[in-house]
Amino acid sequence: MTYKVILERQEEGGYTVFVPKLPDVVSEGDTKKEALENIKDAIKGYLETMEEMGWKPPKIEEETVDVKITAA
């Protein structure tokens, strides 16, 4: 399975990683590489737990919106 992830660089260093289609899954790492490896482990653990419990992952829809800001 493939999931889109969002990396957010932290001011104090490192990265926090979010999974839009799995809102309960968040991880972090000191480097981008470490953060991506950690989120893979977190996704795998989440999906395995969902399967063991007989639960289905949430059905999340993605859309794109245009936002225009007008200068005051």
PDB file of N, CA and C in Angstrom:
ATOM      1  N   MET A   1       0.836  -1.180   0.000  1.00  0.00           N
ATOM      2  CA  MET A   1       0.000   0.000   0.000  1.00  0.00           C
ATOM      3  C   MET A   1       0.883   1.246   0.000  1.00  0.00           C
ATOM      4  N   THR A   2       0.367   2.287  -0.569  1.00  0.00           N
ATOM      5  CA  THR A   2       1.083   3.548  -0.626  1.00  0.00           C
ATOM      6  C   THR A   2       0.241   4.627   0.041  1.00  0.00           C
ATOM      7  N   TYR A   3       0.850   5.415   0.902  1.00  0.00           N
ATOM      8  CA  TYR A   3       0.166   6.501   1.585  1.00  0.00           C
ATOM      9  C   TYR A   3       0.936   7.793   1.406  1.00  0.00           C
ATOM     10  N   LYS A   4       0.208   8.869   1.158  1.00  0.00           N
ATOM     11  CA  LYS A   4       0.807  10.198   1.105  1.00  0.00           C
ATOM     12  C   LYS A   4       1.079  10.636   2.541  1.00  0.00           C
ATOM     13  N   VAL A   5       2.269  11.199   2.785  1.00  0.00           N
ATOM     14  CA  VAL A   5       2.603  11.696   4.120  1.00  0.00           C
ATOM     15  C   VAL A   5       3.001  13.165   4.008  1.00  0.00           C
ATOM     16  N   ILE A   6       2.822  13.878   5.097  1.00  0.00           N
ATOM     17  CA  ILE A   6       3.182  15.290   5.181  1.00  0.00           C
ATOM     18  C   ILE A   6       4.287  15.425   6.219  1.00  0.00           C
ATOM     19  N   LEU A   7       5.417  16.006   5.811  1.00  0.00           N
ATOM     20  CA  LEU A   7       6.526  16.249   6.734  1.00  0.00           C
ATOM     21  C   LEU A   7       6.510  17.707   7.155  1.00  0.00           C
ATOM     22  N   GLU A   8       6.584  17.948   8.439  1.00  0.00           N
ATOM     23  CA  GLU A   8       6.626  19.308   8.963  1.00  0.00           C
ATOM     24  C   GLU A   8       7.940  19.490   9.720  1.00  0.00           C
ATOM     25  N   ARG A   9       8.781  20.375   9.206  1.00  0.00           N
ATOM     26  CA  ARG A   9      10.063  20.646   9.866  1.00  0.00           C
ATOM     27  C   ARG A   9       9.788  21.404  11.163  1.00  0.00           C
ATOM     28  N   GLN A  10      10.413  20.967  12.244  1.00  0.00           N
ATOM     29  CA  GLN A  10      10.215  21.582  13.551  1.00  0.00           C
ATOM     30  C   GLN A  10      11.304  22.618  13.823  1.00  0.00           C
ATOM     31  N   GLU A  11      10.935  23.720  14.460  1.00  0.00           N
ATOM     32  CA  GLU A  11      11.898  24.786  14.750  1.00  0.00           C
ATOM     33  C   GLU A  11      13.066  24.288  15.590  1.00  0.00           C
ATOM     34  N   GLU A  12      12.789  23.386  16.526  1.00  0.00           N
ATOM     35  CA  GLU A  12      13.842  22.873  17.409  1.00  0.00           C
ATOM     36  C   GLU A  12      14.666  21.763  16.754  1.00  0.00           C
ATOM     37  N   GLY A  13      14.309  21.434  15.506  1.00  0.00           N
ATOM     38  CA  GLY A  13      15.021  20.389  14.760  1.00  0.00           C
ATOM     39  C   GLY A  13      14.154  19.159  14.585  1.00  0.00           C
ATOM     40  N   GLY A  14      14.452  18.414  13.562  1.00  0.00           N
ATOM     41  CA  GLY A  14      13.707  17.198  13.291  1.00  0.00           C
ATOM     42  C   GLY A  14      12.433  17.461  12.509  1.00  0.00           C
ATOM     43  N   TYR A  15      11.674  16.388  12.328  1.00  0.00           N
ATOM     44  CA  TYR A  15      10.459  16.431  11.531  1.00  0.00           C
ATOM     45  C   TYR A  15       9.330  15.703  12.248  1.00  0.00           C
ATOM     46  N   THR A  16       8.130  16.212  12.076  1.00  0.00           N
ATOM     47  CA  THR A  16       6.922  15.504  12.471  1.00  0.00           C
ATOM     48  C   THR A  16       6.258  15.071  11.168  1.00  0.00           C
ATOM     49  N   VAL A  17       5.716  13.847  11.154  1.00  0.00           N
ATOM     50  CA  VAL A  17       5.114  13.307   9.937  1.00  0.00           C
ATOM     51  C   VAL A  17       3.663  12.924  10.206  1.00  0.00           C
ATOM     52  N   PHE A  18       2.774  13.346   9.294  1.00  0.00           N
ATOM     53  CA  PHE A  18       1.350  13.064   9.381  1.00  0.00           C
ATOM     54  C   PHE A  18       0.907  12.244   8.174  1.00  0.00           C
ATOM     55  N   VAL A  19      -0.147  11.460   8.339  1.00  0.00           N
ATOM     56  CA  VAL A  19      -0.710  10.666   7.246  1.00  0.00           C
ATOM     57  C   VAL A  19      -2.156  11.132   7.044  1.00  0.00           C
ATOM     58  N   PRO A  20      -2.433  11.946   6.018  1.00  0.00           N
ATOM     59  CA  PRO A  20      -3.780  12.483   5.842  1.00  0.00           C
ATOM     60  C   PRO A  20      -4.888  11.421   5.823  1.00  0.00           C
ATOM     61  N   LYS A  21      -4.651  10.276   5.218  1.00  0.00           N
ATOM     62  CA  LYS A  21      -5.695   9.247   5.137  1.00  0.00           C
ATOM     63  C   LYS A  21      -5.798   8.406   6.408  1.00  0.00           C
ATOM     64  N   LEU A  22      -4.846   8.561   7.314  1.00  0.00           N
ATOM     65  CA  LEU A  22      -4.879   7.850   8.594  1.00  0.00           C
ATOM     66  C   LEU A  22      -4.616   8.880   9.693  1.00  0.00           C
ATOM     67  N   PRO A  23      -5.626   9.690  10.042  1.00  0.00           N
ATOM     68  CA  PRO A  23      -5.399  10.815  10.946  1.00  0.00           C
ATOM     69  C   PRO A  23      -4.847  10.461  12.325  1.00  0.00           C
ATOM     70  N   ASP A  24      -4.984   9.214  12.751  1.00  0.00           N
ATOM     71  CA  ASP A  24      -4.462   8.811  14.060  1.00  0.00           C
ATOM     72  C   ASP A  24      -2.975   8.470  14.026  1.00  0.00           C
ATOM     73  N   VAL A  25      -2.379   8.446  12.836  1.00  0.00           N
ATOM     74  CA  VAL A  25      -0.982   8.024  12.691  1.00  0.00           C
ATOM     75  C   VAL A  25      -0.081   9.252  12.534  1.00  0.00           C
ATOM     76  N   VAL A  26       0.798   9.440  13.517  1.00  0.00           N
ATOM     77  CA  VAL A  26       1.751  10.549  13.523  1.00  0.00           C
ATOM     78  C   VAL A  26       3.076   9.989  14.035  1.00  0.00           C
ATOM     79  N   SER A  27       4.181  10.460  13.485  1.00  0.00           N
ATOM     80  CA  SER A  27       5.488  10.039  13.976  1.00  0.00           C
ATOM     81  C   SER A  27       6.452  11.208  13.833  1.00  0.00           C
ATOM     82  N   GLU A  28       7.709  10.961  14.159  1.00  0.00           N
ATOM     83  CA  GLU A  28       8.718  12.010  14.066  1.00  0.00           C
ATOM     84  C   GLU A  28      10.088  11.385  13.886  1.00  0.00           C
ATOM     85  N   GLY A  29      11.067  12.223  13.605  1.00  0.00           N
ATOM     86  CA  GLY A  29      12.442  11.769  13.476  1.00  0.00           C
ATOM     87  C   GLY A  29      13.376  12.958  13.452  1.00  0.00           C
ATOM     88  N   ASP A  30      14.621  12.714  13.785  1.00  0.00           N
ATOM     89  CA  ASP A  30      15.621  13.787  13.799  1.00  0.00           C
ATOM     90  C   ASP A  30      16.008  14.227  12.391  1.00  0.00           C
ATOM     91  N   THR A  31      15.928  13.293  11.427  1.00  0.00           N
ATOM     92  CA  THR A  31      16.218  13.602  10.029  1.00  0.00           C
ATOM     93  C   THR A  31      15.006  13.213   9.192  1.00  0.00           C
ATOM     94  N   LYS A  32      14.966  13.709   7.956  1.00  0.00           N
ATOM     95  CA  LYS A  32      13.863  13.360   7.068  1.00  0.00           C
ATOM     96  C   LYS A  32      13.832  11.843   6.844  1.00  0.00           C
ATOM     97  N   LYS A  33      14.997  11.247   6.627  1.00  0.00           N
ATOM     98  CA  LYS A  33      15.086   9.800   6.402  1.00  0.00           C
ATOM     99  C   LYS A  33      14.551   9.033   7.616  1.00  0.00           C
ATOM    100  N   GLU A  34      14.971   9.422   8.808  1.00  0.00           N
ATOM    101  CA  GLU A  34      14.516   8.757  10.023  1.00  0.00           C
ATOM    102  C   GLU A  34      13.003   8.933  10.203  1.00  0.00           C
ATOM    103  N   ALA A  35      12.512  10.130   9.944  1.00  0.00           N
ATOM    104  CA  ALA A  35      11.070  10.388  10.081  1.00  0.00           C
ATOM    105  C   ALA A  35      10.269   9.519   9.123  1.00  0.00           C
ATOM    106  N   LEU A  36      10.742   9.358   7.888  1.00  0.00           N
ATOM    107  CA  LEU A  36      10.033   8.530   6.914  1.00  0.00           C
ATOM    108  C   LEU A  36      10.064   7.054   7.303  1.00  0.00           C
ATOM    109  N   GLU A  37      11.188   6.580   7.821  1.00  0.00           N
ATOM    110  CA  GLU A  37      11.254   5.193   8.289  1.00  0.00           C
ATOM    111  C   GLU A  37      10.315   4.985   9.476  1.00  0.00           C
ATOM    112  N   ASN A  38      10.287   5.951  10.393  1.00  0.00           N
ATOM    113  CA  ASN A  38       9.425   5.837  11.569  1.00  0.00           C
ATOM    114  C   ASN A  38       7.948   5.837  11.194  1.00  0.00           C
ATOM    115  N   ILE A  39       7.570   6.659  10.199  1.00  0.00           N
ATOM    116  CA  ILE A  39       6.151   6.697   9.820  1.00  0.00           C
ATOM    117  C   ILE A  39       5.755   5.403   9.118  1.00  0.00           C
ATOM    118  N   LYS A  40       6.675   4.798   8.388  1.00  0.00           N
ATOM    119  CA  LYS A  40       6.381   3.488   7.775  1.00  0.00           C
ATOM    120  C   LYS A  40       6.061   2.467   8.866  1.00  0.00           C
ATOM    121  N   ASP A  41       6.872   2.451   9.917  1.00  0.00           N
ATOM    122  CA  ASP A  41       6.629   1.530  11.029  1.00  0.00           C
ATOM    123  C   ASP A  41       5.300   1.831  11.713  1.00  0.00           C
ATOM    124  N   ALA A  42       5.000   3.115  11.885  1.00  0.00           N
ATOM    125  CA  ALA A  42       3.748   3.510  12.535  1.00  0.00           C
ATOM    126  C   ALA A  42       2.536   3.102  11.699  1.00  0.00           C
ATOM    127  N   ILE A  43       2.604   3.294  10.382  1.00  0.00           N
ATOM    128  CA  ILE A  43       1.504   2.902   9.500  1.00  0.00           C
ATOM    129  C   ILE A  43       1.308   1.392   9.557  1.00  0.00           C
ATOM    130  N   LYS A  44       2.396   0.652   9.461  1.00  0.00           N
ATOM    131  CA  LYS A  44       2.319  -0.808   9.496  1.00  0.00           C
ATOM    132  C   LYS A  44       1.684  -1.280  10.811  1.00  0.00           C
ATOM    133  N   GLY A  45       2.140  -0.736  11.926  1.00  0.00           N
ATOM    134  CA  GLY A  45       1.580  -1.114  13.224  1.00  0.00           C
ATOM    135  C   GLY A  45       0.104  -0.775  13.331  1.00  0.00           C
ATOM    136  N   TYR A  46      -0.262   0.392  12.839  1.00  0.00           N
ATOM    137  CA  TYR A  46      -1.666   0.825  12.865  1.00  0.00           C
ATOM    138  C   TYR A  46      -2.540  -0.127  12.063  1.00  0.00           C
ATOM    139  N   LEU A  47      -2.106  -0.432  10.826  1.00  0.00           N
ATOM    140  CA  LEU A  47      -2.895  -1.311   9.959  1.00  0.00           C
ATOM    141  C   LEU A  47      -2.979  -2.729  10.515  1.00  0.00           C
ATOM    142  N   GLU A  48      -1.890  -3.224  11.089  1.00  0.00           N
ATOM    143  CA  GLU A  48      -1.917  -4.561  11.691  1.00  0.00           C
ATOM    144  C   GLU A  48      -2.878  -4.610  12.868  1.00  0.00           C
ATOM    145  N   THR A  49      -2.870  -3.574  13.693  1.00  0.00           N
ATOM    146  CA  THR A  49      -3.786  -3.513  14.833  1.00  0.00           C
ATOM    147  C   THR A  49      -5.230  -3.440  14.356  1.00  0.00           C
ATOM    148  N   MET A  50      -5.488  -2.629  13.346  1.00  0.00           N
ATOM    149  CA  MET A  50      -6.845  -2.522  12.801  1.00  0.00           C
ATOM    150  C   MET A  50      -7.331  -3.884  12.316  1.00  0.00           C
ATOM    151  N   GLU A  51      -6.452  -4.604  11.616  1.00  0.00           N
ATOM    152  CA  GLU A  51      -6.815  -5.926  11.086  1.00  0.00           C
ATOM    153  C   GLU A  51      -7.082  -6.906  12.224  1.00  0.00           C
ATOM    154  N   GLU A  52      -6.203  -6.926  13.233  1.00  0.00           N
ATOM    155  CA  GLU A  52      -6.378  -7.830  14.375  1.00  0.00           C
ATOM    156  C   GLU A  52      -7.691  -7.577  15.102  1.00  0.00           C
ATOM    157  N   MET A  53      -8.103  -6.316  15.175  1.00  0.00           N
ATOM    158  CA  MET A  53      -9.331  -5.949  15.883  1.00  0.00           C
ATOM    159  C   MET A  53     -10.574  -6.087  14.999  1.00  0.00           C
ATOM    160  N   GLY A  54     -10.359  -6.375  13.725  1.00  0.00           N
ATOM    161  CA  GLY A  54     -11.477  -6.494  12.799  1.00  0.00           C
ATOM    162  C   GLY A  54     -12.052  -5.145  12.382  1.00  0.00           C
ATOM    163  N   TRP A  55     -11.272  -4.090  12.550  1.00  0.00           N
ATOM    164  CA  TRP A  55     -11.719  -2.744  12.203  1.00  0.00           C
ATOM    165  C   TRP A  55     -11.220  -2.377  10.815  1.00  0.00           C
ATOM    166  N   LYS A  56     -11.906  -1.464  10.187  1.00  0.00           N
ATOM    167  CA  LYS A  56     -11.488  -0.968   8.881  1.00  0.00           C
ATOM    168  C   LYS A  56     -10.942   0.450   9.051  1.00  0.00           C
ATOM    169  N   PRO A  57      -9.894   0.782   8.293  1.00  0.00           N
ATOM    170  CA  PRO A  57      -9.358   2.149   8.371  1.00  0.00           C
ATOM    171  C   PRO A  57     -10.442   3.167   7.997  1.00  0.00           C
ATOM    172  N   PRO A  58     -10.353   4.387   8.518  1.00  0.00           N
ATOM    173  CA  PRO A  58     -11.362   5.394   8.195  1.00  0.00           C
ATOM    174  C   PRO A  58     -11.371   5.713   6.705  1.00  0.00           C
ATOM    175  N   LYS A  59     -12.544   6.027   6.184  1.00  0.00           N
ATOM    176  CA  LYS A  59     -12.659   6.412   4.775  1.00  0.00           C
ATOM    177  C   LYS A  59     -12.543   7.927   4.703  1.00  0.00           C
ATOM    178  N   ILE A  60     -11.386   8.372   4.257  1.00  0.00           N
ATOM    179  CA  ILE A  60     -11.084   9.793   4.173  1.00  0.00           C
ATOM    180  C   ILE A  60     -11.027  10.178   2.700  1.00  0.00           C
ATOM    181  N   GLU A  61     -11.670  11.266   2.354  1.00  0.00           N
ATOM    182  CA  GLU A  61     -11.616  11.770   0.986  1.00  0.00           C
ATOM    183  C   GLU A  61     -10.668  12.963   0.914  1.00  0.00           C
ATOM    184  N   GLU A  62      -9.950  13.061  -0.179  1.00  0.00           N
ATOM    185  CA  GLU A  62      -9.068  14.205  -0.388  1.00  0.00           C
ATOM    186  C   GLU A  62      -9.609  15.057  -1.521  1.00  0.00           C
ATOM    187  N   GLU A  63      -9.561  16.346  -1.343  1.00  0.00           N
ATOM    188  CA  GLU A  63      -9.945  17.307  -2.366  1.00  0.00           C
ATOM    189  C   GLU A  63      -8.893  18.403  -2.383  1.00  0.00           C
ATOM    190  N   THR A  64      -8.848  19.119  -3.454  1.00  0.00           N
ATOM    191  CA  THR A  64      -7.948  20.259  -3.570  1.00  0.00           C
ATOM    192  C   THR A  64      -8.796  21.520  -3.700  1.00  0.00           C
ATOM    193  N   VAL A  65      -8.440  22.535  -2.963  1.00  0.00           N
ATOM    194  CA  VAL A  65      -9.150  23.810  -3.043  1.00  0.00           C
ATOM    195  C   VAL A  65      -8.163  24.924  -3.344  1.00  0.00           C
ATOM    196  N   ASP A  66      -8.614  25.907  -4.084  1.00  0.00           N
ATOM    197  CA  ASP A  66      -7.813  27.094  -4.371  1.00  0.00           C
ATOM    198  C   ASP A  66      -8.198  28.171  -3.368  1.00  0.00           C
ATOM    199  N   VAL A  67      -7.208  28.796  -2.785  1.00  0.00           N
ATOM    200  CA  VAL A  67      -7.449  29.888  -1.830  1.00  0.00           C
ATOM    201  C   VAL A  67      -6.698  31.110  -2.349  1.00  0.00           C
ATOM    202  N   LYS A  68      -7.438  32.200  -2.489  1.00  0.00           N
ATOM    203  CA  LYS A  68      -6.828  33.444  -2.969  1.00  0.00           C
ATOM    204  C   LYS A  68      -6.889  34.460  -1.846  1.00  0.00           C
ATOM    205  N   ILE A  69      -5.772  35.098  -1.611  1.00  0.00           N
ATOM    206  CA  ILE A  69      -5.687  36.133  -0.575  1.00  0.00           C
ATOM    207  C   ILE A  69      -5.496  37.470  -1.275  1.00  0.00           C
ATOM    208  N   THR A  70      -6.359  38.399  -0.928  1.00  0.00           N
ATOM    209  CA  THR A  70      -6.224  39.742  -1.511  1.00  0.00           C
ATOM    210  C   THR A  70      -5.557  40.648  -0.501  1.00  0.00           C
ATOM    211  N   ALA A  71      -4.587  41.382  -0.965  1.00  0.00           N
ATOM    212  CA  ALA A  71      -3.889  42.322  -0.077  1.00  0.00           C
ATOM    213  C   ALA A  71      -4.853  43.406   0.380  1.00  0.00           C
ATOM    214  N   ALA A  72      -4.726  43.764   1.629  1.00  0.00           N
ATOM    215  CA  ALA A  72      -5.614  44.799   2.197  1.00  0.00           C
ATOM    216  C   ALA A  72      -5.166  46.183   1.832  1.00  0.00           C
TER     217      ALA A  72
END
